[in-house]
Amino acid sequence: MAENRRFIHGVVAPKERLEAAWWFAYQGSKLLVQPEPSHVTIPCLVDFAELGLPVLHQNYIGCLDGRHCYAVELPEGIAPPQGMTFEDLRRTYGRIDEDLFSVAGRAV
């Protein structure tokens, strides 16, 4: 990536979710990602409920270049949605956008 994007820490979520947000969902120490041939991606959805997974806790953590970011804690033992997997955050290094990796570290 040529230049770093700007992350602004936040604690108060927007009242309405109208646009897609980054959802950093963890099951223990493993991050929910969608694997691609050469990289992995973070779910980017208007509402995390679109994935149909039970949520233990959900927190707003800020904005990355104007896109809202949420941390989500998932219960142990649930299966990831089709086409996704839970992966140790360290394993995603170098296979995920650097700025998203940095925010993912805050979300744990």
Protein backbone atom coordinates (compact mmCIF):
# COMPACT_ATOMS: atom_id res chain seq x y z
CA MET A 1 0.00 0.00 0.00
CA ALA A 2 1.42 3.37 -0.99
CA GLU A 3 0.23 5.45 1.96
CA ASN A 4 -1.33 4.76 5.33
CA ARG A 5 -4.97 5.46 5.81
CA ARG A 6 -6.17 7.37 8.82
CA PHE A 7 -7.76 5.63 11.80
CA ILE A 8 -9.73 7.75 14.27
CA HIS A 9 -10.46 6.01 17.56
CA GLY A 10 -14.07 6.23 18.72
CA VAL A 11 -16.37 4.84 21.37
CA VAL A 12 -19.77 6.17 20.35
CA ALA A 13 -21.28 4.28 17.42
CA PRO A 14 -23.34 6.11 14.82
CA LYS A 15 -27.06 6.05 15.62
CA GLU A 16 -27.90 4.50 12.28
CA ARG A 17 -25.93 2.08 10.12
CA LEU A 18 -26.41 3.19 6.55
CA GLU A 19 -23.11 2.17 4.96
CA ALA A 20 -20.90 -0.89 5.08
CA ALA A 21 -18.51 -1.07 8.05
CA TRP A 22 -15.48 -3.19 8.89
CA TRP A 23 -16.36 -5.99 11.34
CA PHE A 24 -13.38 -7.38 13.26
CA ALA A 25 -14.95 -10.54 14.68
CA TYR A 26 -12.98 -12.74 17.05
CA GLN A 27 -13.52 -16.21 18.42
CA GLY A 28 -10.96 -16.38 21.20
CA SER A 29 -7.75 -15.13 19.55
CA LYS A 30 -8.86 -16.01 16.02
CA LEU A 31 -10.11 -13.41 13.56
CA LEU A 32 -12.97 -14.10 11.14
CA VAL A 33 -11.63 -13.62 7.59
CA GLN A 34 -12.52 -14.48 4.04
CA PRO A 35 -9.54 -16.17 2.37
CA GLU A 36 -8.63 -15.19 -1.17
CA PRO A 37 -5.85 -16.78 -3.25
CA SER A 38 -3.15 -14.30 -2.18
CA HIS A 39 -4.70 -12.46 0.77
CA VAL A 40 -7.50 -12.42 3.34
CA THR A 41 -10.25 -9.85 3.81
CA ILE A 42 -12.28 -8.63 6.78
CA PRO A 43 -16.09 -8.71 6.58
CA CYS A 44 -17.41 -5.38 5.32
CA LEU A 45 -21.17 -5.25 5.91
CA VAL A 46 -23.87 -2.79 6.90
CA ASP A 47 -24.84 -5.03 9.84
CA PHE A 48 -22.95 -8.01 11.28
CA ALA A 49 -26.28 -9.83 11.66
CA GLU A 50 -26.09 -10.44 7.89
CA LEU A 51 -23.70 -13.32 8.69
CA GLY A 52 -26.19 -15.02 11.00
CA LEU A 53 -23.68 -15.60 13.81
CA PRO A 54 -24.43 -15.25 17.53
CA VAL A 55 -22.62 -12.33 19.17
CA LEU A 56 -21.39 -12.16 22.78
CA HIS A 57 -20.24 -8.52 22.66
CA GLN A 58 -20.03 -5.82 20.04
CA ASN A 59 -18.13 -2.54 20.42
CA TYR A 60 -17.61 0.42 18.17
CA ILE A 61 -13.88 1.18 17.88
CA GLY A 62 -13.67 4.07 15.40
CA CYS A 63 -13.30 4.91 11.71
CA LEU A 64 -10.71 3.96 9.12
CA ASP A 65 -10.81 6.51 6.30
CA GLY A 66 -14.42 7.32 7.13
CA ARG A 67 -15.56 3.67 7.27
CA HIS A 68 -16.85 2.68 10.70
CA CYS A 69 -15.13 -0.21 12.53
CA TYR A 70 -16.57 -2.61 15.08
CA ALA A 71 -15.05 -5.30 17.29
CA VAL A 72 -17.19 -8.38 17.79
CA GLU A 73 -16.69 -11.23 20.24
CA LEU A 74 -18.11 -14.54 19.09
CA PRO A 75 -18.76 -17.63 21.22
CA GLU A 76 -16.36 -20.57 21.09
CA GLY A 77 -17.37 -23.56 19.02
CA ILE A 78 -19.46 -21.89 16.32
CA ALA A 79 -18.59 -22.57 12.70
CA PRO A 80 -17.68 -19.68 10.40
CA PRO A 81 -20.05 -18.80 7.55
CA GLN A 82 -19.46 -20.55 4.24
CA GLY A 83 -16.39 -19.16 2.46
CA MET A 84 -14.92 -17.76 5.68
CA THR A 85 -12.59 -19.08 8.36
CA PHE A 86 -11.20 -18.20 11.77
CA GLU A 87 -7.49 -17.48 11.58
CA ASP A 88 -4.91 -16.46 14.17
CA LEU A 89 -4.23 -12.73 13.76
CA ARG A 90 -0.49 -13.33 13.43
CA ARG A 91 -1.08 -15.61 10.44
CA THR A 92 -2.89 -12.80 8.63
CA TYR A 93 0.16 -10.52 8.73
CA GLY A 94 1.38 -9.86 5.20
CA ARG A 95 -1.84 -11.27 3.76
CA ILE A 96 -4.11 -8.45 4.91
CA ASP A 97 -3.99 -4.71 4.32
CA GLU A 98 -1.55 -3.17 6.85
CA ASP A 99 -4.05 -0.63 8.11
CA LEU A 100 -6.73 -3.27 8.60
CA PHE A 101 -4.16 -5.42 10.43
CA SER A 102 -3.39 -2.51 12.75
CA VAL A 103 -7.09 -1.95 13.51
CA ALA A 104 -7.59 -5.70 13.99
CA GLY A 105 -4.93 -5.56 16.70
CA ARG A 106 -6.95 -2.89 18.50
CA ALA A 107 -10.12 -4.94 18.23
CA VAL A 108 -8.86 -7.95 20.18
